[in-house]
Amino acid sequence: MKKLGAILTTVATVMASSQVYAHPGDHSEGGILSMLMHFLTEPDHMVFIGVTGALACFSYRVYKKLNAGKKSQG
């Protein structure tokens, strides 16, 4: 099962890394505020931030549920 998880993680990383080239420019011409404004005003970045937040919340809930089951058994 660990091997399958490692394979899926590798595939997901390779697929996600191609998304770095979604639009031209390296965004290094501005400072931190410029980069922050870029992330907060581009719709595609906002969707990604939302999906990442939802995935983090879901993962945390699953983690808590699994740990609650382990504590009640031990």
PDB file of N, CA and C in Angstrom:
ATOM      1  N   MET A   1       0.824  -1.196   0.000  1.00  0.00           N
ATOM      2  CA  MET A   1       0.000   0.000   0.000  1.00  0.00           C
ATOM      3  C   MET A   1       0.864   1.254   0.000  1.00  0.00           C
ATOM      4  N   LYS A   2       2.008   1.206   0.712  1.00  0.00           N
ATOM      5  CA  LYS A   2       2.895   2.364   0.737  1.00  0.00           C
ATOM      6  C   LYS A   2       3.476   2.628  -0.641  1.00  0.00           C
ATOM      7  N   LYS A   3       3.741   1.551  -1.386  1.00  0.00           N
ATOM      8  CA  LYS A   3       4.310   1.711  -2.725  1.00  0.00           C
ATOM      9  C   LYS A   3       3.301   2.400  -3.645  1.00  0.00           C
ATOM     10  N   LEU A   4       2.036   2.039  -3.535  1.00  0.00           N
ATOM     11  CA  LEU A   4       1.001   2.681  -4.345  1.00  0.00           C
ATOM     12  C   LEU A   4       0.896   4.163  -4.004  1.00  0.00           C
ATOM     13  N   GLY A   5       0.983   4.494  -2.719  1.00  0.00           N
ATOM     14  CA  GLY A   5       0.941   5.895  -2.302  1.00  0.00           C
ATOM     15  C   GLY A   5       2.110   6.685  -2.843  1.00  0.00           C
ATOM     16  N   ALA A   6       3.291   6.066  -2.845  1.00  0.00           N
ATOM     17  CA  ALA A   6       4.473   6.737  -3.379  1.00  0.00           C
ATOM     18  C   ALA A   6       4.340   6.965  -4.880  1.00  0.00           C
ATOM     19  N   ILE A   7       3.797   5.987  -5.577  1.00  0.00           N
ATOM     20  CA  ILE A   7       3.606   6.124  -7.025  1.00  0.00           C
ATOM     21  C   ILE A   7       2.599   7.218  -7.320  1.00  0.00           C
ATOM     22  N   LEU A   8       1.487   7.250  -6.596  1.00  0.00           N
ATOM     23  CA  LEU A   8       0.469   8.279  -6.824  1.00  0.00           C
ATOM     24  C   LEU A   8       0.998   9.675  -6.492  1.00  0.00           C
ATOM     25  N   THR A   9       1.797   9.776  -5.452  1.00  0.00           N
ATOM     26  CA  THR A   9       2.394  11.067  -5.102  1.00  0.00           C
ATOM     27  C   THR A   9       3.342  11.539  -6.195  1.00  0.00           C
ATOM     28  N   THR A  10       4.130  10.632  -6.733  1.00  0.00           N
ATOM     29  CA  THR A  10       5.059  10.975  -7.810  1.00  0.00           C
ATOM     30  C   THR A  10       4.309  11.428  -9.052  1.00  0.00           C
ATOM     31  N   VAL A  11       3.267  10.703  -9.414  1.00  0.00           N
ATOM     32  CA  VAL A  11       2.477  11.072 -10.599  1.00  0.00           C
ATOM     33  C   VAL A  11       1.819  12.432 -10.397  1.00  0.00           C
ATOM     34  N   ALA A  12       1.270  12.676  -9.219  1.00  0.00           N
ATOM     35  CA  ALA A  12       0.627  13.962  -8.945  1.00  0.00           C
ATOM     36  C   ALA A  12       1.632  15.102  -8.996  1.00  0.00           C
ATOM     37  N   THR A  13       2.830  14.877  -8.491  1.00  0.00           N
ATOM     38  CA  THR A  13       3.862  15.910  -8.520  1.00  0.00           C
ATOM     39  C   THR A  13       4.274  16.230  -9.941  1.00  0.00           C
ATOM     40  N   VAL A  14       4.453  15.217 -10.753  1.00  0.00           N
ATOM     41  CA  VAL A  14       4.840  15.435 -12.150  1.00  0.00           C
ATOM     42  C   VAL A  14       3.732  16.167 -12.902  1.00  0.00           C
ATOM     43  N   MET A  15       2.489  15.793 -12.668  1.00  0.00           N
ATOM     44  CA  MET A  15       1.368  16.452 -13.349  1.00  0.00           C
ATOM     45  C   MET A  15       1.231  17.900 -12.895  1.00  0.00           C
ATOM     46  N   ALA A  16       1.423  18.170 -11.622  1.00  0.00           N
ATOM     47  CA  ALA A  16       1.274  19.522 -11.104  1.00  0.00           C
ATOM     48  C   ALA A  16       2.416  20.426 -11.549  1.00  0.00           C
ATOM     49  N   SER A  17       3.597  19.873 -11.722  1.00  0.00           N
ATOM     50  CA  SER A  17       4.740  20.711 -12.093  1.00  0.00           C
ATOM     51  C   SER A  17       4.581  21.297 -13.490  1.00  0.00           C
ATOM     52  N   SER A  18       3.827  20.645 -14.354  1.00  0.00           N
ATOM     53  CA  SER A  18       3.609  21.205 -15.690  1.00  0.00           C
ATOM     54  C   SER A  18       2.698  22.435 -15.631  1.00  0.00           C
ATOM     55  N   GLN A  19       1.950  22.586 -14.550  1.00  0.00           N
ATOM     56  CA  GLN A  19       1.062  23.727 -14.428  1.00  0.00           C
ATOM     57  C   GLN A  19       1.812  25.014 -14.134  1.00  0.00           C
ATOM     58  N   VAL A  20       3.085  24.917 -13.790  1.00  0.00           N
ATOM     59  CA  VAL A  20       3.892  26.099 -13.509  1.00  0.00           C
ATOM     60  C   VAL A  20       3.987  26.971 -14.760  1.00  0.00           C
ATOM     61  N   TYR A  21       3.934  26.349 -15.898  1.00  0.00           N
ATOM     62  CA  TYR A  21       4.066  27.073 -17.161  1.00  0.00           C
ATOM     63  C   TYR A  21       2.707  27.485 -17.723  1.00  0.00           C
ATOM     64  N   ALA A  22       1.720  27.701 -16.875  1.00  0.00           N
ATOM     65  CA  ALA A  22       0.371  28.026 -17.318  1.00  0.00           C
ATOM     66  C   ALA A  22       0.308  29.363 -18.046  1.00  0.00           C
ATOM     67  N   HIS A  23       1.107  30.338 -17.614  1.00  0.00           N
ATOM     68  CA  HIS A  23       1.142  31.611 -18.303  1.00  0.00           C
ATOM     69  C   HIS A  23       2.571  32.159 -18.265  1.00  0.00           C
ATOM     70  N   PRO A  24       2.918  32.987 -19.233  1.00  0.00           N
ATOM     71  CA  PRO A  24       4.307  33.435 -19.349  1.00  0.00           C
ATOM     72  C   PRO A  24       4.722  34.385 -18.235  1.00  0.00           C
ATOM     73  N   GLY A  25       6.008  34.495 -18.069  1.00  0.00           N
ATOM     74  CA  GLY A  25       6.559  35.406 -17.070  1.00  0.00           C
ATOM     75  C   GLY A  25       6.967  34.664 -15.827  1.00  0.00           C
ATOM     76  N   ASP A  26       8.033  35.141 -15.193  1.00  0.00           N
ATOM     77  CA  ASP A  26       8.483  34.476 -13.981  1.00  0.00           C
ATOM     78  C   ASP A  26       8.070  35.232 -12.725  1.00  0.00           C
ATOM     79  N   HIS A  27       7.406  36.352 -12.865  1.00  0.00           N
ATOM     80  CA  HIS A  27       6.868  37.150 -11.760  1.00  0.00           C
ATOM     81  C   HIS A  27       7.948  37.607 -10.786  1.00  0.00           C
ATOM     82  N   SER A  28       9.170  37.752 -11.250  1.00  0.00           N
ATOM     83  CA  SER A  28      10.237  38.183 -10.364  1.00  0.00           C
ATOM     84  C   SER A  28      10.501  39.681 -10.448  1.00  0.00           C
ATOM     85  N   GLU A  29       9.760  40.388 -11.289  1.00  0.00           N
ATOM     86  CA  GLU A  29      10.029  41.808 -11.478  1.00  0.00           C
ATOM     87  C   GLU A  29       9.500  42.670 -10.332  1.00  0.00           C
ATOM     88  N   GLY A  30       8.575  42.158  -9.547  1.00  0.00           N
ATOM     89  CA  GLY A  30       8.018  42.945  -8.446  1.00  0.00           C
ATOM     90  C   GLY A  30       8.474  42.420  -7.105  1.00  0.00           C
ATOM     91  N   GLY A  31       7.968  43.027  -6.078  1.00  0.00           N
ATOM     92  CA  GLY A  31       8.301  42.594  -4.727  1.00  0.00           C
ATOM     93  C   GLY A  31       7.258  41.637  -4.193  1.00  0.00           C
ATOM     94  N   ILE A  32       7.262  41.486  -2.886  1.00  0.00           N
ATOM     95  CA  ILE A  32       6.335  40.569  -2.242  1.00  0.00           C
ATOM     96  C   ILE A  32       4.899  41.056  -2.402  1.00  0.00           C
ATOM     97  N   LEU A  33       4.687  42.349  -2.273  1.00  0.00           N
ATOM     98  CA  LEU A  33       3.338  42.895  -2.415  1.00  0.00           C
ATOM     99  C   LEU A  33       2.805  42.680  -3.825  1.00  0.00           C
ATOM    100  N   SER A  34       3.664  42.858  -4.817  1.00  0.00           N
ATOM    101  CA  SER A  34       3.265  42.629  -6.202  1.00  0.00           C
ATOM    102  C   SER A  34       2.871  41.170  -6.426  1.00  0.00           C
ATOM    103  N   MET A  35       3.647  40.257  -5.868  1.00  0.00           N
ATOM    104  CA  MET A  35       3.342  38.840  -6.014  1.00  0.00           C
ATOM    105  C   MET A  35       2.034  38.494  -5.305  1.00  0.00           C
ATOM    106  N   LEU A  36       1.833  39.042  -4.115  1.00  0.00           N
ATOM    107  CA  LEU A  36       0.605  38.786  -3.372  1.00  0.00           C
ATOM    108  C   LEU A  36      -0.609  39.308  -4.129  1.00  0.00           C
ATOM    109  N   MET A  37      -0.501  40.504  -4.685  1.00  0.00           N
ATOM    110  CA  MET A  37      -1.611  41.059  -5.458  1.00  0.00           C
ATOM    111  C   MET A  37      -1.887  40.217  -6.697  1.00  0.00           C
ATOM    112  N   HIS A  38      -0.851  39.692  -7.309  1.00  0.00           N
ATOM    113  CA  HIS A  38      -1.041  38.830  -8.477  1.00  0.00           C
ATOM    114  C   HIS A  38      -1.844  37.588  -8.091  1.00  0.00           C
ATOM    115  N   PHE A  39      -1.477  36.949  -6.974  1.00  0.00           N
ATOM    116  CA  PHE A  39      -2.191  35.746  -6.547  1.00  0.00           C
ATOM    117  C   PHE A  39      -3.623  36.038  -6.151  1.00  0.00           C
ATOM    118  N   LEU A  40      -3.878  37.206  -5.579  1.00  0.00           N
ATOM    119  CA  LEU A  40      -5.216  37.516  -5.087  1.00  0.00           C
ATOM    120  C   LEU A  40      -6.131  38.138  -6.134  1.00  0.00           C
ATOM    121  N   THR A  41      -5.598  38.487  -7.304  1.00  0.00           N
ATOM    122  CA  THR A  41      -6.441  39.090  -8.339  1.00  0.00           C
ATOM    123  C   THR A  41      -6.612  38.210  -9.566  1.00  0.00           C
ATOM    124  N   GLU A  42      -5.859  37.149  -9.691  1.00  0.00           N
ATOM    125  CA  GLU A  42      -6.003  36.250 -10.831  1.00  0.00           C
ATOM    126  C   GLU A  42      -7.011  35.152 -10.493  1.00  0.00           C
ATOM    127  N   PRO A  43      -8.048  35.001 -11.304  1.00  0.00           N
ATOM    128  CA  PRO A  43      -9.074  33.994 -10.995  1.00  0.00           C
ATOM    129  C   PRO A  43      -8.538  32.567 -10.925  1.00  0.00           C
ATOM    130  N   ASP A  44      -7.601  32.219 -11.801  1.00  0.00           N
ATOM    131  CA  ASP A  44      -7.088  30.852 -11.767  1.00  0.00           C
ATOM    132  C   ASP A  44      -6.313  30.576 -10.483  1.00  0.00           C
ATOM    133  N   HIS A  45      -5.620  31.572  -9.963  1.00  0.00           N
ATOM    134  CA  HIS A  45      -4.906  31.391  -8.711  1.00  0.00           C
ATOM    135  C   HIS A  45      -5.890  31.307  -7.541  1.00  0.00           C
ATOM    136  N   MET A  46      -6.955  32.071  -7.580  1.00  0.00           N
ATOM    137  CA  MET A  46      -7.941  32.029  -6.508  1.00  0.00           C
ATOM    138  C   MET A  46      -8.617  30.657  -6.443  1.00  0.00           C
ATOM    139  N   VAL A  47      -8.897  30.076  -7.601  1.00  0.00           N
ATOM    140  CA  VAL A  47      -9.492  28.732  -7.623  1.00  0.00           C
ATOM    141  C   VAL A  47      -8.527  27.734  -7.001  1.00  0.00           C
ATOM    142  N   PHE A  48      -7.261  27.834  -7.363  1.00  0.00           N
ATOM    143  CA  PHE A  48      -6.270  26.917  -6.813  1.00  0.00           C
ATOM    144  C   PHE A  48      -6.129  27.084  -5.303  1.00  0.00           C
ATOM    145  N   ILE A  49      -6.157  28.314  -4.829  1.00  0.00           N
ATOM    146  CA  ILE A  49      -6.074  28.562  -3.386  1.00  0.00           C
ATOM    147  C   ILE A  49      -7.294  27.953  -2.681  1.00  0.00           C
ATOM    148  N   GLY A  50      -8.473  28.100  -3.284  1.00  0.00           N
ATOM    149  CA  GLY A  50      -9.682  27.528  -2.705  1.00  0.00           C
ATOM    150  C   GLY A  50      -9.658  26.005  -2.667  1.00  0.00           C
ATOM    151  N   VAL A  51      -9.209  25.400  -3.762  1.00  0.00           N
ATOM    152  CA  VAL A  51      -9.126  23.939  -3.819  1.00  0.00           C
ATOM    153  C   VAL A  51      -8.105  23.426  -2.810  1.00  0.00           C
ATOM    154  N   THR A  52      -6.984  24.118  -2.699  1.00  0.00           N
ATOM    155  CA  THR A  52      -5.957  23.715  -1.740  1.00  0.00           C
ATOM    156  C   THR A  52      -6.479  23.823  -0.304  1.00  0.00           C
ATOM    157  N   GLY A  53      -7.198  24.894   0.004  1.00  0.00           N
ATOM    158  CA  GLY A  53      -7.777  25.053   1.332  1.00  0.00           C
ATOM    159  C   GLY A  53      -8.814  23.981   1.640  1.00  0.00           C
ATOM    160  N   ALA A  54      -9.669  23.672   0.663  1.00  0.00           N
ATOM    161  CA  ALA A  54     -10.681  22.637   0.859  1.00  0.00           C
ATOM    162  C   ALA A  54     -10.034  21.271   1.061  1.00  0.00           C
ATOM    163  N   LEU A  55      -8.990  20.993   0.297  1.00  0.00           N
ATOM    164  CA  LEU A  55      -8.278  19.723   0.449  1.00  0.00           C
ATOM    165  C   LEU A  55      -7.593  19.639   1.809  1.00  0.00           C
ATOM    166  N   ALA A  56      -7.035  20.740   2.268  1.00  0.00           N
ATOM    167  CA  ALA A  56      -6.393  20.760   3.578  1.00  0.00           C
ATOM    168  C   ALA A  56      -7.423  20.497   4.685  1.00  0.00           C
ATOM    169  N   CYS A  57      -8.590  21.126   4.604  1.00  0.00           N
ATOM    170  CA  CYS A  57      -9.648  20.907   5.603  1.00  0.00           C
ATOM    171  C   CYS A  57     -10.128  19.460   5.597  1.00  0.00           C
ATOM    172  N   PHE A  58     -10.335  18.914   4.399  1.00  0.00           N
ATOM    173  CA  PHE A  58     -10.778  17.533   4.272  1.00  0.00           C
ATOM    174  C   PHE A  58      -9.735  16.578   4.845  1.00  0.00           C
ATOM    175  N   SER A  59      -8.472  16.815   4.512  1.00  0.00           N
ATOM    176  CA  SER A  59      -7.388  15.948   4.999  1.00  0.00           C
ATOM    177  C   SER A  59      -7.288  16.011   6.515  1.00  0.00           C
ATOM    178  N   TYR A  60      -7.442  17.196   7.080  1.00  0.00           N
ATOM    179  CA  TYR A  60      -7.373  17.351   8.540  1.00  0.00           C
ATOM    180  C   TYR A  60      -8.506  16.591   9.217  1.00  0.00           C
ATOM    181  N   ARG A  61      -9.704  16.672   8.650  1.00  0.00           N
ATOM    182  CA  ARG A  61     -10.841  15.961   9.240  1.00  0.00           C
ATOM    183  C   ARG A  61     -10.644  14.451   9.179  1.00  0.00           C
ATOM    184  N   VAL A  62     -10.126  13.961   8.058  1.00  0.00           N
ATOM    185  CA  VAL A  62      -9.862  12.526   7.939  1.00  0.00           C
ATOM    186  C   VAL A  62      -8.789  12.112   8.939  1.00  0.00           C
ATOM    187  N   TYR A  63      -7.752  12.912   9.065  1.00  0.00           N
ATOM    188  CA  TYR A  63      -6.671  12.632  10.015  1.00  0.00           C
ATOM    189  C   TYR A  63      -7.202  12.569  11.445  1.00  0.00           C
ATOM    190  N   LYS A  64      -8.018  13.545  11.825  1.00  0.00           N
ATOM    191  CA  LYS A  64      -8.589  13.559  13.174  1.00  0.00           C
ATOM    192  C   LYS A  64      -9.469  12.340  13.414  1.00  0.00           C
ATOM    193  N   LYS A  65     -10.252  11.956  12.391  1.00  0.00           N
ATOM    194  CA  LYS A  65     -11.145  10.809  12.516  1.00  0.00           C
ATOM    195  C   LYS A  65     -10.345   9.521  12.699  1.00  0.00           C
ATOM    196  N   LEU A  66      -9.259   9.385  11.928  1.00  0.00           N
ATOM    197  CA  LEU A  66      -8.435   8.182  12.049  1.00  0.00           C
ATOM    198  C   LEU A  66      -7.736   8.141  13.404  1.00  0.00           C
ATOM    199  N   ASN A  67      -7.254   9.259  13.888  1.00  0.00           N
ATOM    200  CA  ASN A  67      -6.585   9.285  15.194  1.00  0.00           C
ATOM    201  C   ASN A  67      -7.558   9.062  16.336  1.00  0.00           C
ATOM    202  N   ALA A  68      -8.783   9.514  16.207  1.00  0.00           N
ATOM    203  CA  ALA A  68      -9.799   9.279  17.247  1.00  0.00           C
ATOM    204  C   ALA A  68     -10.087   7.790  17.363  1.00  0.00           C
ATOM    205  N   GLY A  69     -10.114   7.097  16.233  1.00  0.00           N
ATOM    206  CA  GLY A  69     -10.350   5.667  16.254  1.00  0.00           C
ATOM    207  C   GLY A  69      -9.196   4.905  16.902  1.00  0.00           C
ATOM    208  N   LYS A  70      -7.969   5.364  16.674  1.00  0.00           N
ATOM    209  CA  LYS A  70      -6.806   4.714  17.266  1.00  0.00           C
ATOM    210  C   LYS A  70      -6.747   4.940  18.771  1.00  0.00           C
ATOM    211  N   LYS A  71      -7.127   6.127  19.230  1.00  0.00           N
ATOM    212  CA  LYS A  71      -7.081   6.428  20.664  1.00  0.00           C
ATOM    213  C   LYS A  71      -8.132   5.615  21.426  1.00  0.00           C
ATOM    214  N   SER A  72      -9.298   5.405  20.831  1.00  0.00           N
ATOM    215  CA  SER A  72     -10.330   4.651  21.523  1.00  0.00           C
ATOM    216  C   SER A  72      -9.993   3.158  21.597  1.00  0.00           C
ATOM    217  N   GLN A  73      -9.170   2.675  20.667  1.00  0.00           N
ATOM    218  CA  GLN A  73      -8.775   1.261  20.695  1.00  0.00           C
ATOM    219  C   GLN A  73      -7.673   1.021  21.708  1.00  0.00           C
ATOM    220  N   GLY A  74      -6.790   1.998  21.905  1.00  0.00           N
ATOM    221  CA  GLY A  74      -5.613   1.797  22.754  1.00  0.00           C
ATOM    222  C   GLY A  74      -5.842   2.191  24.135  1.00  0.00           C
TER     223      GLY A  74
END
